Amino acid sequence: MQIPPSKHFAIIRETTVHIPGDERSRTAPGHGYPERDETVISYEICADEKDMEIRILSAPAHQEIYGVYVSAIFHREPTIKVVKRG
């Protein structure tokens, strides 16, 4: 995903994904992997404010969803620091 370096509208959406356990976890507890629910956070870039509103209003009522206006992106420039011994 490419986040625009300039101002834009976006949606942050929180969903839950169910991952079923494998057979070994059911027949031999402590082995394999158990079933679980994982939270997934997604970042969706919108064409404009109206597009963002349409997506928010069409989302299921139970879903956590946030519309955001991003006015700036923080970029940290890599730095190299030389330390001299003694």
PDB file of N, CA and C in Angstrom:
ATOM      1  N   MET A   1       0.854  -1.180   0.000  1.00  0.00           N
ATOM      2  CA  MET A   1       0.000   0.000   0.000  1.00  0.00           C
ATOM      3  C   MET A   1       0.896   1.238   0.000  1.00  0.00           C
ATOM      4  N   GLN A   2       0.541   2.189  -0.807  1.00  0.00           N
ATOM      5  CA  GLN A   2       1.279   3.440  -0.886  1.00  0.00           C
ATOM      6  C   GLN A   2       0.446   4.548  -0.246  1.00  0.00           C
ATOM      7  N   ILE A   3       0.912   5.093   0.884  1.00  0.00           N
ATOM      8  CA  ILE A   3       0.214   6.193   1.540  1.00  0.00           C
ATOM      9  C   ILE A   3       0.634   7.491   0.859  1.00  0.00           C
ATOM     10  N   PRO A   4      -0.332   8.298   0.436  1.00  0.00           N
ATOM     11  CA  PRO A   4       0.016   9.561  -0.226  1.00  0.00           C
ATOM     12  C   PRO A   4       0.869  10.449   0.683  1.00  0.00           C
ATOM     13  N   PRO A   5       1.889  11.089   0.146  1.00  0.00           N
ATOM     14  CA  PRO A   5       2.748  11.949   0.968  1.00  0.00           C
ATOM     15  C   PRO A   5       2.114  13.304   1.274  1.00  0.00           C
ATOM     16  N   SER A   6       0.966  13.576   0.671  1.00  0.00           N
ATOM     17  CA  SER A   6       0.309  14.868   0.874  1.00  0.00           C
ATOM     18  C   SER A   6      -1.030  14.681   1.594  1.00  0.00           C
ATOM     19  N   LYS A   7      -1.748  15.767   1.770  1.00  0.00           N
ATOM     20  CA  LYS A   7      -3.041  15.742   2.455  1.00  0.00           C
ATOM     21  C   LYS A   7      -4.016  14.800   1.755  1.00  0.00           C
ATOM     22  N   HIS A   8      -4.786  14.052   2.574  1.00  0.00           N
ATOM     23  CA  HIS A   8      -5.770  13.136   1.997  1.00  0.00           C
ATOM     24  C   HIS A   8      -6.779  12.693   3.064  1.00  0.00           C
ATOM     25  N   PHE A   9      -7.858  12.071   2.606  1.00  0.00           N
ATOM     26  CA  PHE A   9      -8.864  11.490   3.481  1.00  0.00           C
ATOM     27  C   PHE A   9      -8.648   9.986   3.499  1.00  0.00           C
ATOM     28  N   ALA A  10      -8.938   9.376   4.642  1.00  0.00           N
ATOM     29  CA  ALA A  10      -8.750   7.930   4.761  1.00  0.00           C
ATOM     30  C   ALA A  10      -9.730   7.358   5.775  1.00  0.00           C
ATOM     31  N   ILE A  11      -9.834   6.053   5.749  1.00  0.00           N
ATOM     32  CA  ILE A  11     -10.666   5.329   6.711  1.00  0.00           C
ATOM     33  C   ILE A  11      -9.776   4.336   7.434  1.00  0.00           C
ATOM     34  N   ILE A  12      -9.918   4.308   8.744  1.00  0.00           N
ATOM     35  CA  ILE A  12      -9.258   3.292   9.556  1.00  0.00           C
ATOM     36  C   ILE A  12     -10.365   2.369  10.033  1.00  0.00           C
ATOM     37  N   ARG A  13     -10.237   1.104   9.675  1.00  0.00           N
ATOM     38  CA  ARG A  13     -11.292   0.131   9.948  1.00  0.00           C
ATOM     39  C   ARG A  13     -10.731  -0.995  10.813  1.00  0.00           C
ATOM     40  N   GLU A  14     -11.498  -1.377  11.833  1.00  0.00           N
ATOM     41  CA  GLU A  14     -11.100  -2.486  12.707  1.00  0.00           C
ATOM     42  C   GLU A  14     -12.058  -3.644  12.490  1.00  0.00           C
ATOM     43  N   THR A  15     -11.517  -4.792  12.110  1.00  0.00           N
ATOM     44  CA  THR A  15     -12.329  -5.983  11.914  1.00  0.00           C
ATOM     45  C   THR A  15     -11.706  -7.151  12.681  1.00  0.00           C
ATOM     46  N   THR A  16     -12.489  -8.184  12.886  1.00  0.00           N
ATOM     47  CA  THR A  16     -12.008  -9.381  13.555  1.00  0.00           C
ATOM     48  C   THR A  16     -12.077 -10.538  12.582  1.00  0.00           C
ATOM     49  N   VAL A  17     -10.998 -11.304  12.517  1.00  0.00           N
ATOM     50  CA  VAL A  17     -10.922 -12.471  11.644  1.00  0.00           C
ATOM     51  C   VAL A  17     -10.834 -13.711  12.523  1.00  0.00           C
ATOM     52  N   HIS A  18     -11.709 -14.677  12.274  1.00  0.00           N
ATOM     53  CA  HIS A  18     -11.687 -15.935  13.033  1.00  0.00           C
ATOM     54  C   HIS A  18     -10.784 -16.932  12.321  1.00  0.00           C
ATOM     55  N   ILE A  19      -9.838 -17.505  13.064  1.00  0.00           N
ATOM     56  CA  ILE A  19      -8.935 -18.515  12.517  1.00  0.00           C
ATOM     57  C   ILE A  19      -9.234 -19.826  13.234  1.00  0.00           C
ATOM     58  N   PRO A  20      -9.780 -20.793  12.515  1.00  0.00           N
ATOM     59  CA  PRO A  20     -10.114 -22.055  13.166  1.00  0.00           C
ATOM     60  C   PRO A  20      -8.853 -22.828  13.559  1.00  0.00           C
ATOM     61  N   GLY A  21      -8.944 -23.578  14.648  1.00  0.00           N
ATOM     62  CA  GLY A  21      -7.814 -24.400  15.072  1.00  0.00           C
ATOM     63  C   GLY A  21      -7.658 -25.604  14.160  1.00  0.00           C
ATOM     64  N   ASP A  22      -6.523 -26.267  14.285  1.00  0.00           N
ATOM     65  CA  ASP A  22      -6.324 -27.459  13.470  1.00  0.00           C
ATOM     66  C   ASP A  22      -6.776 -28.704  14.238  1.00  0.00           C
ATOM     67  N   GLU A  23      -6.815 -29.813  13.556  1.00  0.00           N
ATOM     68  CA  GLU A  23      -7.310 -31.070  14.140  1.00  0.00           C
ATOM     69  C   GLU A  23      -6.465 -31.498  15.338  1.00  0.00           C
ATOM     70  N   ARG A  24      -5.154 -31.324  15.269  1.00  0.00           N
ATOM     71  CA  ARG A  24      -4.291 -31.759  16.379  1.00  0.00           C
ATOM     72  C   ARG A  24      -4.626 -31.039  17.673  1.00  0.00           C
ATOM     73  N   SER A  25      -5.021 -29.757  17.595  1.00  0.00           N
ATOM     74  CA  SER A  25      -5.338 -29.024  18.824  1.00  0.00           C
ATOM     75  C   SER A  25      -6.616 -29.553  19.469  1.00  0.00           C
ATOM     76  N   ARG A  26      -7.495 -30.138  18.678  1.00  0.00           N
ATOM     77  CA  ARG A  26      -8.742 -30.697  19.216  1.00  0.00           C
ATOM     78  C   ARG A  26      -8.530 -32.112  19.771  1.00  0.00           C
ATOM     79  N   THR A  27      -7.711 -32.909  19.097  1.00  0.00           N
ATOM     80  CA  THR A  27      -7.520 -34.299  19.521  1.00  0.00           C
ATOM     81  C   THR A  27      -6.369 -34.482  20.494  1.00  0.00           C
ATOM     82  N   ALA A  28      -5.413 -33.582  20.494  1.00  0.00           N
ATOM     83  CA  ALA A  28      -4.252 -33.677  21.401  1.00  0.00           C
ATOM     84  C   ALA A  28      -3.956 -32.277  21.950  1.00  0.00           C
ATOM     85  N   PRO A  29      -4.665 -31.859  23.001  1.00  0.00           N
ATOM     86  CA  PRO A  29      -4.464 -30.513  23.561  1.00  0.00           C
ATOM     87  C   PRO A  29      -2.983 -30.224  23.828  1.00  0.00           C
ATOM     88  N   GLY A  30      -2.584 -29.002  23.498  1.00  0.00           N
ATOM     89  CA  GLY A  30      -1.182 -28.612  23.657  1.00  0.00           C
ATOM     90  C   GLY A  30      -0.381 -28.763  22.374  1.00  0.00           C
ATOM     91  N   HIS A  31      -0.978 -29.383  21.369  1.00  0.00           N
ATOM     92  CA  HIS A  31      -0.304 -29.570  20.080  1.00  0.00           C
ATOM     93  C   HIS A  31      -1.081 -28.811  19.016  1.00  0.00           C
ATOM     94  N   GLY A  32      -0.425 -28.554  17.919  1.00  0.00           N
ATOM     95  CA  GLY A  32      -1.095 -27.813  16.852  1.00  0.00           C
ATOM     96  C   GLY A  32      -1.340 -26.374  17.275  1.00  0.00           C
ATOM     97  N   TYR A  33      -2.359 -25.769  16.733  1.00  0.00           N
ATOM     98  CA  TYR A  33      -2.712 -24.411  17.139  1.00  0.00           C
ATOM     99  C   TYR A  33      -4.212 -24.316  17.373  1.00  0.00           C
ATOM    100  N   PRO A  34      -4.610 -23.646  18.467  1.00  0.00           N
ATOM    101  CA  PRO A  34      -6.023 -23.532  18.801  1.00  0.00           C
ATOM    102  C   PRO A  34      -6.720 -22.477  17.936  1.00  0.00           C
ATOM    103  N   GLU A  35      -8.057 -22.530  17.935  1.00  0.00           N
ATOM    104  CA  GLU A  35      -8.791 -21.495  17.221  1.00  0.00           C
ATOM    105  C   GLU A  35      -8.627 -20.168  17.958  1.00  0.00           C
ATOM    106  N   ARG A  36      -8.729 -19.086  17.199  1.00  0.00           N
ATOM    107  CA  ARG A  36      -8.561 -17.770  17.814  1.00  0.00           C
ATOM    108  C   ARG A  36      -9.180 -16.708  16.911  1.00  0.00           C
ATOM    109  N   ASP A  37      -9.398 -15.546  17.501  1.00  0.00           N
ATOM    110  CA  ASP A  37      -9.857 -14.376  16.758  1.00  0.00           C
ATOM    111  C   ASP A  37      -8.725 -13.360  16.757  1.00  0.00           C
ATOM    112  N   GLU A  38      -8.447 -12.786  15.624  1.00  0.00           N
ATOM    113  CA  GLU A  38      -7.405 -11.767  15.509  1.00  0.00           C
ATOM    114  C   GLU A  38      -8.023 -10.466  15.027  1.00  0.00           C
ATOM    115  N   THR A  39      -7.559  -9.361  15.608  1.00  0.00           N
ATOM    116  CA  THR A  39      -8.004  -8.035  15.197  1.00  0.00           C
ATOM    117  C   THR A  39      -7.123  -7.554  14.051  1.00  0.00           C
ATOM    118  N   VAL A  40      -7.759  -7.045  13.020  1.00  0.00           N
ATOM    119  CA  VAL A  40      -7.045  -6.528  11.852  1.00  0.00           C
ATOM    120  C   VAL A  40      -7.417  -5.061  11.686  1.00  0.00           C
ATOM    121  N   ILE A  41      -6.404  -4.209  11.567  1.00  0.00           N
ATOM    122  CA  ILE A  41      -6.607  -2.782  11.341  1.00  0.00           C
ATOM    123  C   ILE A  41      -6.246  -2.489   9.883  1.00  0.00           C
ATOM    124  N   SER A  42      -7.173  -1.860   9.158  1.00  0.00           N
ATOM    125  CA  SER A  42      -6.877  -1.513   7.763  1.00  0.00           C
ATOM    126  C   SER A  42      -6.924   0.008   7.577  1.00  0.00           C
ATOM    127  N   TYR A  43      -6.158   0.485   6.625  1.00  0.00           N
ATOM    128  CA  TYR A  43      -6.070   1.907   6.291  1.00  0.00           C
ATOM    129  C   TYR A  43      -6.453   2.031   4.828  1.00  0.00           C
ATOM    130  N   GLU A  44      -7.589   2.665   4.573  1.00  0.00           N
ATOM    131  CA  GLU A  44      -8.101   2.783   3.210  1.00  0.00           C
ATOM    132  C   GLU A  44      -8.064   4.239   2.766  1.00  0.00           C
ATOM    133  N   ILE A  45      -7.388   4.509   1.687  1.00  0.00           N
ATOM    134  CA  ILE A  45      -7.288   5.860   1.156  1.00  0.00           C
ATOM    135  C   ILE A  45      -8.536   6.165   0.337  1.00  0.00           C
ATOM    136  N   CYS A  46      -9.109   7.333   0.561  1.00  0.00           N
ATOM    137  CA  CYS A  46     -10.336   7.739  -0.134  1.00  0.00           C
ATOM    138  C   CYS A  46     -10.017   8.800  -1.182  1.00  0.00           C
ATOM    139  N   ALA A  47     -10.832   8.829  -2.213  1.00  0.00           N
ATOM    140  CA  ALA A  47     -10.625   9.804  -3.292  1.00  0.00           C
ATOM    141  C   ALA A  47     -10.834  11.237  -2.801  1.00  0.00           C
ATOM    142  N   ASP A  48     -11.835  11.420  -1.934  1.00  0.00           N
ATOM    143  CA  ASP A  48     -12.141  12.744  -1.392  1.00  0.00           C
ATOM    144  C   ASP A  48     -13.040  12.576  -0.162  1.00  0.00           C
ATOM    145  N   GLU A  49     -13.486  13.683   0.402  1.00  0.00           N
ATOM    146  CA  GLU A  49     -14.307  13.637   1.616  1.00  0.00           C
ATOM    147  C   GLU A  49     -15.643  12.923   1.371  1.00  0.00           C
ATOM    148  N   LYS A  50     -16.245  13.151   0.232  1.00  0.00           N
ATOM    149  CA  LYS A  50     -17.527  12.519  -0.089  1.00  0.00           C
ATOM    150  C   LYS A  50     -17.372  11.000  -0.173  1.00  0.00           C
ATOM    151  N   ASP A  51     -16.310  10.539  -0.808  1.00  0.00           N
ATOM    152  CA  ASP A  51     -16.026   9.104  -0.898  1.00  0.00           C
ATOM    153  C   ASP A  51     -15.886   8.512   0.502  1.00  0.00           C
ATOM    154  N   MET A  52     -15.209   9.215   1.393  1.00  0.00           N
ATOM    155  CA  MET A  52     -15.037   8.754   2.765  1.00  0.00           C
ATOM    156  C   MET A  52     -16.392   8.623   3.462  1.00  0.00           C
ATOM    157  N   GLU A  53     -17.236   9.633   3.324  1.00  0.00           N
ATOM    158  CA  GLU A  53     -18.561   9.609   3.949  1.00  0.00           C
ATOM    159  C   GLU A  53     -19.401   8.445   3.438  1.00  0.00           C
ATOM    160  N   ILE A  54     -19.378   8.202   2.135  1.00  0.00           N
ATOM    161  CA  ILE A  54     -20.148   7.102   1.545  1.00  0.00           C
ATOM    162  C   ILE A  54     -19.690   5.767   2.122  1.00  0.00           C
ATOM    163  N   ARG A  55     -18.391   5.561   2.221  1.00  0.00           N
ATOM    164  CA  ARG A  55     -17.866   4.303   2.758  1.00  0.00           C
ATOM    165  C   ARG A  55     -18.241   4.115   4.225  1.00  0.00           C
ATOM    166  N   ILE A  56     -18.185   5.196   4.998  1.00  0.00           N
ATOM    167  CA  ILE A  56     -18.529   5.106   6.423  1.00  0.00           C
ATOM    168  C   ILE A  56     -20.004   4.773   6.590  1.00  0.00           C
ATOM    169  N   LEU A  57     -20.862   5.451   5.845  1.00  0.00           N
ATOM    170  CA  LEU A  57     -22.304   5.227   5.973  1.00  0.00           C
ATOM    171  C   LEU A  57     -22.739   3.855   5.464  1.00  0.00           C
ATOM    172  N   SER A  58     -21.976   3.254   4.567  1.00  0.00           N
ATOM    173  CA  SER A  58     -22.334   1.942   4.040  1.00  0.00           C
ATOM    174  C   SER A  58     -21.715   0.782   4.828  1.00  0.00           C
ATOM    175  N   ALA A  59     -20.891   1.087   5.812  1.00  0.00           N
ATOM    176  CA  ALA A  59     -20.262   0.040   6.627  1.00  0.00           C
ATOM    177  C   ALA A  59     -21.285  -0.566   7.591  1.00  0.00           C
ATOM    178  N   PRO A  60     -21.110  -1.822   7.958  1.00  0.00           N
ATOM    179  CA  PRO A  60     -22.015  -2.432   8.943  1.00  0.00           C
ATOM    180  C   PRO A  60     -21.992  -1.645  10.257  1.00  0.00           C
ATOM    181  N   ALA A  61     -23.150  -1.544  10.907  1.00  0.00           N
ATOM    182  CA  ALA A  61     -23.276  -0.732  12.126  1.00  0.00           C
ATOM    183  C   ALA A  61     -22.382  -1.219  13.258  1.00  0.00           C
ATOM    184  N   HIS A  62     -22.104  -2.506  13.318  1.00  0.00           N
ATOM    185  CA  HIS A  62     -21.304  -3.057  14.418  1.00  0.00           C
ATOM    186  C   HIS A  62     -19.796  -2.876  14.212  1.00  0.00           C
ATOM    187  N   GLN A  63     -19.389  -2.451  13.040  1.00  0.00           N
ATOM    188  CA  GLN A  63     -17.971  -2.365  12.725  1.00  0.00           C
ATOM    189  C   GLN A  63     -17.356  -1.062  13.228  1.00  0.00           C
ATOM    190  N   GLU A  64     -16.166  -1.168  13.820  1.00  0.00           N
ATOM    191  CA  GLU A  64     -15.428   0.026  14.247  1.00  0.00           C
ATOM    192  C   GLU A  64     -14.803   0.651  13.001  1.00  0.00           C
ATOM    193  N   ILE A  65     -15.167   1.899  12.729  1.00  0.00           N
ATOM    194  CA  ILE A  65     -14.660   2.577  11.538  1.00  0.00           C
ATOM    195  C   ILE A  65     -14.484   4.057  11.848  1.00  0.00           C
ATOM    196  N   TYR A  66     -13.381   4.613  11.386  1.00  0.00           N
ATOM    197  CA  TYR A  66     -13.058   6.015  11.671  1.00  0.00           C
ATOM    198  C   TYR A  66     -12.652   6.708  10.377  1.00  0.00           C
ATOM    199  N   GLY A  67     -13.229   7.868  10.131  1.00  0.00           N
ATOM    200  CA  GLY A  67     -12.827   8.693   8.994  1.00  0.00           C
ATOM    201  C   GLY A  67     -11.809   9.706   9.489  1.00  0.00           C
ATOM    202  N   VAL A  68     -10.727   9.862   8.752  1.00  0.00           N
ATOM    203  CA  VAL A  68      -9.676  10.795   9.165  1.00  0.00           C
ATOM    204  C   VAL A  68      -9.260  11.682   7.999  1.00  0.00           C
ATOM    205  N   TYR A  69      -8.847  12.882   8.357  1.00  0.00           N
ATOM    206  CA  TYR A  69      -8.235  13.791   7.386  1.00  0.00           C
ATOM    207  C   TYR A  69      -6.769  13.889   7.780  1.00  0.00           C
ATOM    208  N   VAL A  70      -5.893  13.483   6.893  1.00  0.00           N
ATOM    209  CA  VAL A  70      -4.456  13.495   7.172  1.00  0.00           C
ATOM    210  C   VAL A  70      -3.877  14.752   6.555  1.00  0.00           C
ATOM    211  N   SER A  71      -3.378  15.630   7.416  1.00  0.00           N
ATOM    212  CA  SER A  71      -2.857  16.907   6.912  1.00  0.00           C
ATOM    213  C   SER A  71      -1.355  16.873   6.657  1.00  0.00           C
ATOM    214  N   ALA A  72      -0.658  15.915   7.243  1.00  0.00           N
ATOM    215  CA  ALA A  72       0.784  15.822   7.032  1.00  0.00           C
ATOM    216  C   ALA A  72       1.247  14.407   7.367  1.00  0.00           C
ATOM    217  N   ILE A  73       2.319  13.998   6.752  1.00  0.00           N
ATOM    218  CA  ILE A  73       2.936  12.706   7.017  1.00  0.00           C
ATOM    219  C   ILE A  73       4.313  12.972   7.615  1.00  0.00           C
ATOM    220  N   PHE A  74       4.609  12.310   8.715  1.00  0.00           N
ATOM    221  CA  PHE A  74       5.913  12.473   9.361  1.00  0.00           C
ATOM    222  C   PHE A  74       6.898  11.496   8.739  1.00  0.00           C
ATOM    223  N   HIS A  75       8.020  12.010   8.303  1.00  0.00           N
ATOM    224  CA  HIS A  75       9.097  11.175   7.763  1.00  0.00           C
ATOM    225  C   HIS A  75      10.330  11.397   8.616  1.00  0.00           C
ATOM    226  N   ARG A  76      10.897  10.329   9.084  1.00  0.00           N
ATOM    227  CA  ARG A  76      12.133  10.432   9.855  1.00  0.00           C
ATOM    228  C   ARG A  76      13.286  10.093   8.933  1.00  0.00           C
ATOM    229  N   GLU A  77      14.185  11.021   8.823  1.00  0.00           N
ATOM    230  CA  GLU A  77      15.354  10.800   7.979  1.00  0.00           C
ATOM    231  C   GLU A  77      16.360   9.931   8.729  1.00  0.00           C
ATOM    232  N   PRO A  78      16.915   8.935   8.059  1.00  0.00           N
ATOM    233  CA  PRO A  78      17.925   8.113   8.731  1.00  0.00           C
ATOM    234  C   PRO A  78      19.177   8.940   9.027  1.00  0.00           C
ATOM    235  N   THR A  79      19.761   8.706  10.162  1.00  0.00           N
ATOM    236  CA  THR A  79      20.983   9.423  10.526  1.00  0.00           C
ATOM    237  C   THR A  79      22.061   8.427  10.906  1.00  0.00           C
ATOM    238  N   ILE A  80      23.277   8.818  10.680  1.00  0.00           N
ATOM    239  CA  ILE A  80      24.428   7.994  11.065  1.00  0.00           C
ATOM    240  C   ILE A  80      25.249   8.822  12.041  1.00  0.00           C
ATOM    241  N   LYS A  81      25.533   8.220  13.182  1.00  0.00           N
ATOM    242  CA  LYS A  81      26.299   8.919  14.201  1.00  0.00           C
ATOM    243  C   LYS A  81      27.592   8.156  14.417  1.00  0.00           C
ATOM    244  N   VAL A  82      28.713   8.855  14.281  1.00  0.00           N
ATOM    245  CA  VAL A  82      30.031   8.235  14.482  1.00  0.00           C
ATOM    246  C   VAL A  82      30.516   8.601  15.863  1.00  0.00           C
ATOM    247  N   VAL A  83      30.862   7.602  16.648  1.00  0.00           N
ATOM    248  CA  VAL A  83      31.350   7.825  17.999  1.00  0.00           C
ATOM    249  C   VAL A  83      32.811   7.383  18.039  1.00  0.00           C
ATOM    250  N   LYS A  84      33.661   8.296  18.499  1.00  0.00           N
ATOM    251  CA  LYS A  84      35.091   8.022  18.553  1.00  0.00           C
ATOM    252  C   LYS A  84      35.455   7.592  19.973  1.00  0.00           C
ATOM    253  N   ARG A  85      36.149   6.477  20.082  1.00  0.00           N
ATOM    254  CA  ARG A  85      36.587   6.009  21.389  1.00  0.00           C
ATOM    255  C   ARG A  85      37.796   6.796  21.868  1.00  0.00           C
ATOM    256  N   GLY A  86      37.815   7.006  23.176  1.00  0.00           N
ATOM    257  CA  GLY A  86      38.995   7.586  23.819  1.00  0.00           C
ATOM    258  C   GLY A  86      39.165   8.982  23.516  1.00  0.00           C
TER     259      GLY A  86
END
